[in-house]
Amino acid sequence: QVQLVESGGGLVQPGGSLRLSCAASGSTADILVTGWYRQVPGKERDLLATISRSGRTNLEGSAKGRFTVSKDNAKNTVYLQMNSLKPEDTAVYYCSVLSGTDLETAVVYWGQGTQVTVSS
């Protein structure tokens, strides 16, 4: 099993930056992909970014151009750097991992989420 703990959320003014962290513990060697998602009340959880075990990254939609995803293997931590934040970025941000021997049989684990509020 894998346990995930997000941190780094909070209140930031428009135009500001935040770096979210997703610290993994447990069977971290089996993690294939880590993803960052966000969700606002009443809406679906949206994928923002992924980073694979090999370090390949992908950004989706609104994350392109403002967000970057990276990881520190020694710390088993994945980061989401968010710049030029807008009020519409306000959401609960979650990290998730696919863990297993291959993507077809991988198990999904979720963190508890961290609130990001962009407001003046």
C-alpha atoms as a PDB file:
ATOM      1  CA  GLN A   1       0.000   0.000   0.000  1.00  0.00           C
ATOM      2  CA  VAL A   2       0.944   3.617  -0.481  1.00  0.00           C
ATOM      3  CA  GLN A   3       0.105   6.509   1.784  1.00  0.00           C
ATOM      4  CA  LEU A   4       0.041  10.041   0.390  1.00  0.00           C
ATOM      5  CA  VAL A   5       0.131  13.326   2.249  1.00  0.00           C
ATOM      6  CA  GLU A   6      -0.330  16.629   0.445  1.00  0.00           C
ATOM      7  CA  SER A   7       0.868  19.911   1.876  1.00  0.00           C
ATOM      8  CA  GLY A   8       1.612  23.450   0.804  1.00  0.00           C
ATOM      9  CA  GLY A   9      -1.875  24.741   0.216  1.00  0.00           C
ATOM     10  CA  GLY A  10      -3.191  27.966   1.633  1.00  0.00           C
ATOM     11  CA  LEU A  11      -4.366  31.452   0.827  1.00  0.00           C
ATOM     12  CA  VAL A  12      -2.511  33.369  -1.863  1.00  0.00           C
ATOM     13  CA  GLN A  13      -3.205  36.578  -3.714  1.00  0.00           C
ATOM     14  CA  PRO A  14      -3.897  36.576  -7.448  1.00  0.00           C
ATOM     15  CA  GLY A  15      -0.648  36.464  -9.347  1.00  0.00           C
ATOM     16  CA  GLY A  16       1.099  34.674  -6.522  1.00  0.00           C
ATOM     17  CA  SER A  17       2.706  31.265  -6.381  1.00  0.00           C
ATOM     18  CA  LEU A  18       2.438  28.117  -4.317  1.00  0.00           C
ATOM     19  CA  ARG A  19       4.315  24.860  -4.292  1.00  0.00           C
ATOM     20  CA  LEU A  20       2.342  21.810  -3.319  1.00  0.00           C
ATOM     21  CA  SER A  21       4.036  18.679  -2.072  1.00  0.00           C
ATOM     22  CA  CYS A  22       2.881  15.092  -2.187  1.00  0.00           C
ATOM     23  CA  ALA A  23       4.885  12.876   0.133  1.00  0.00           C
ATOM     24  CA  ALA A  24       4.537   9.147  -0.402  1.00  0.00           C
ATOM     25  CA  SER A  25       5.255   6.381   2.060  1.00  0.00           C
ATOM     26  CA  GLY A  26       4.781   2.639   2.123  1.00  0.00           C
ATOM     27  CA  SER A  27       5.392   0.673  -1.078  1.00  0.00           C
ATOM     28  CA  THR A  28       6.830   3.626  -2.941  1.00  0.00           C
ATOM     29  CA  ALA A  29       8.980   1.467  -5.191  1.00  0.00           C
ATOM     30  CA  ASP A  30       5.824   0.280  -6.925  1.00  0.00           C
ATOM     31  CA  ILE A  31       4.626   3.748  -7.879  1.00  0.00           C
ATOM     32  CA  LEU A  32       4.299   4.000 -11.650  1.00  0.00           C
ATOM     33  CA  VAL A  33       2.759   7.426 -12.094  1.00  0.00           C
ATOM     34  CA  THR A  34       1.861  10.322  -9.808  1.00  0.00           C
ATOM     35  CA  GLY A  35      -0.827  12.764 -10.741  1.00  0.00           C
ATOM     36  CA  TRP A  36      -2.094  16.073  -9.448  1.00  0.00           C
ATOM     37  CA  TYR A  37      -5.809  16.816  -9.595  1.00  0.00           C
ATOM     38  CA  ARG A  38      -8.074  19.529  -8.338  1.00  0.00           C
ATOM     39  CA  GLN A  39     -11.725  19.712  -7.506  1.00  0.00           C
ATOM     40  CA  VAL A  40     -14.179  22.465  -6.777  1.00  0.00           C
ATOM     41  CA  PRO A  41     -17.490  21.768  -5.031  1.00  0.00           C
ATOM     42  CA  GLY A  42     -20.088  20.365  -7.366  1.00  0.00           C
ATOM     43  CA  LYS A  43     -17.644  19.574 -10.144  1.00  0.00           C
ATOM     44  CA  GLU A  44     -15.598  16.603 -11.199  1.00  0.00           C
ATOM     45  CA  ARG A  45     -12.017  16.136 -10.162  1.00  0.00           C
ATOM     46  CA  ASP A  46      -9.796  17.410 -12.974  1.00  0.00           C
ATOM     47  CA  LEU A  47      -6.368  16.092 -13.896  1.00  0.00           C
ATOM     48  CA  LEU A  48      -3.672  18.771 -13.950  1.00  0.00           C
ATOM     49  CA  ALA A  49      -0.355  17.018 -14.306  1.00  0.00           C
ATOM     50  CA  THR A  50       1.364  13.672 -14.220  1.00  0.00           C
ATOM     51  CA  ILE A  51       4.906  12.514 -13.698  1.00  0.00           C
ATOM     52  CA  SER A  52       6.016   8.983 -14.366  1.00  0.00           C
ATOM     53  CA  ARG A  53       8.539   6.838 -12.579  1.00  0.00           C
ATOM     54  CA  SER A  54      11.054   7.746 -15.278  1.00  0.00           C
ATOM     55  CA  GLY A  55      10.368  11.435 -14.796  1.00  0.00           C
ATOM     56  CA  ARG A  56       8.312  12.039 -17.896  1.00  0.00           C
ATOM     57  CA  THR A  57       5.858  14.849 -17.247  1.00  0.00           C
ATOM     58  CA  ASN A  58       2.600  15.896 -18.783  1.00  0.00           C
ATOM     59  CA  LEU A  59       0.490  18.947 -18.126  1.00  0.00           C
ATOM     60  CA  GLU A  60      -3.180  19.185 -18.927  1.00  0.00           C
ATOM     61  CA  GLY A  61      -5.336  22.099 -19.964  1.00  0.00           C
ATOM     62  CA  SER A  62      -5.250  24.972 -17.538  1.00  0.00           C
ATOM     63  CA  ALA A  63      -1.984  23.780 -15.992  1.00  0.00           C
ATOM     64  CA  LYS A  64      -0.001  24.378 -19.155  1.00  0.00           C
ATOM     65  CA  GLY A  65       2.192  27.434 -19.040  1.00  0.00           C
ATOM     66  CA  ARG A  66       1.709  28.186 -15.338  1.00  0.00           C
ATOM     67  CA  PHE A  67       2.253  24.919 -13.472  1.00  0.00           C
ATOM     68  CA  THR A  68       5.154  22.537 -13.403  1.00  0.00           C
ATOM     69  CA  VAL A  69       5.447  19.086 -11.874  1.00  0.00           C
ATOM     70  CA  SER A  70       8.650  17.613 -10.532  1.00  0.00           C
ATOM     71  CA  LYS A  71       9.845  15.037  -8.054  1.00  0.00           C
ATOM     72  CA  ASP A  72      12.561  14.260  -5.577  1.00  0.00           C
ATOM     73  CA  ASN A  73      13.090  10.516  -5.592  1.00  0.00           C
ATOM     74  CA  ALA A  74      15.221  10.605  -2.466  1.00  0.00           C
ATOM     75  CA  LYS A  75      12.338  12.174  -0.555  1.00  0.00           C
ATOM     76  CA  ASN A  76       9.575  10.198  -2.323  1.00  0.00           C
ATOM     77  CA  THR A  77       7.930  13.537  -2.927  1.00  0.00           C
ATOM     78  CA  VAL A  78       6.270  15.021  -5.975  1.00  0.00           C
ATOM     79  CA  TYR A  79       5.775  18.756  -6.304  1.00  0.00           C
ATOM     80  CA  LEU A  80       3.353  20.963  -8.149  1.00  0.00           C
ATOM     81  CA  GLN A  81       4.703  24.454  -8.652  1.00  0.00           C
ATOM     82  CA  MET A  82       1.883  26.849  -9.409  1.00  0.00           C
ATOM     83  CA  ASN A  83       2.618  30.342 -10.685  1.00  0.00           C
ATOM     84  CA  SER A  84       0.476  33.285 -11.768  1.00  0.00           C
ATOM     85  CA  LEU A  85      -2.404  31.948  -9.732  1.00  0.00           C
ATOM     86  CA  LYS A  86      -5.919  33.109 -10.505  1.00  0.00           C
ATOM     87  CA  PRO A  87      -9.087  33.073  -8.429  1.00  0.00           C
ATOM     88  CA  GLU A  88     -10.382  30.278 -10.630  1.00  0.00           C
ATOM     89  CA  ASP A  89      -7.512  28.111  -9.410  1.00  0.00           C
ATOM     90  CA  THR A  90      -9.237  27.953  -6.035  1.00  0.00           C
ATOM     91  CA  ALA A  91      -9.927  24.304  -5.323  1.00  0.00           C
ATOM     92  CA  VAL A  92      -8.910  21.311  -3.260  1.00  0.00           C
ATOM     93  CA  TYR A  93      -5.791  19.819  -4.790  1.00  0.00           C
ATOM     94  CA  TYR A  94      -5.168  16.094  -4.599  1.00  0.00           C
ATOM     95  CA  CYS A  95      -2.320  13.857  -5.535  1.00  0.00           C
ATOM     96  CA  SER A  96      -2.820  10.325  -6.671  1.00  0.00           C
ATOM     97  CA  VAL A  97      -0.570   7.449  -7.616  1.00  0.00           C
ATOM     98  CA  LEU A  98      -0.889   4.337  -9.713  1.00  0.00           C
ATOM     99  CA  SER A  99       0.996   1.594  -7.962  1.00  0.00           C
ATOM    100  CA  GLY A 100       1.745  -1.913  -9.147  1.00  0.00           C
ATOM    101  CA  THR A 101       3.689  -3.943 -11.667  1.00  0.00           C
ATOM    102  CA  ASP A 102       1.964  -2.482 -14.710  1.00  0.00           C
ATOM    103  CA  LEU A 103      -0.639   0.134 -15.543  1.00  0.00           C
ATOM    104  CA  GLU A 104      -3.306  -2.415 -16.393  1.00  0.00           C
ATOM    105  CA  THR A 105      -3.330  -3.913 -12.909  1.00  0.00           C
ATOM    106  CA  ALA A 106      -2.194  -0.866 -10.931  1.00  0.00           C
ATOM    107  CA  VAL A 107      -4.047   0.274  -7.824  1.00  0.00           C
ATOM    108  CA  VAL A 108      -4.984   3.914  -7.326  1.00  0.00           C
ATOM    109  CA  TYR A 109      -4.222   5.695  -4.087  1.00  0.00           C
ATOM    110  CA  TRP A 110      -5.315   9.202  -3.130  1.00  0.00           C
ATOM    111  CA  GLY A 111      -4.147  11.749  -0.662  1.00  0.00           C
ATOM    112  CA  GLN A 112      -6.488  13.692   1.576  1.00  0.00           C
ATOM    113  CA  GLY A 113      -6.212  16.906  -0.415  1.00  0.00           C
ATOM    114  CA  THR A 114      -5.006  20.390   0.356  1.00  0.00           C
ATOM    115  CA  GLN A 115      -7.043  23.564  -0.037  1.00  0.00           C
ATOM    116  CA  VAL A 116      -5.768  26.326  -2.281  1.00  0.00           C
ATOM    117  CA  THR A 117      -7.570  29.644  -2.153  1.00  0.00           C
ATOM    118  CA  VAL A 118      -6.630  32.462  -4.494  1.00  0.00           C
ATOM    119  CA  SER A 119      -8.148  35.702  -3.329  1.00  0.00           C
ATOM    120  CA  SER A 120      -7.240  39.281  -2.598  1.00  0.00           C
END
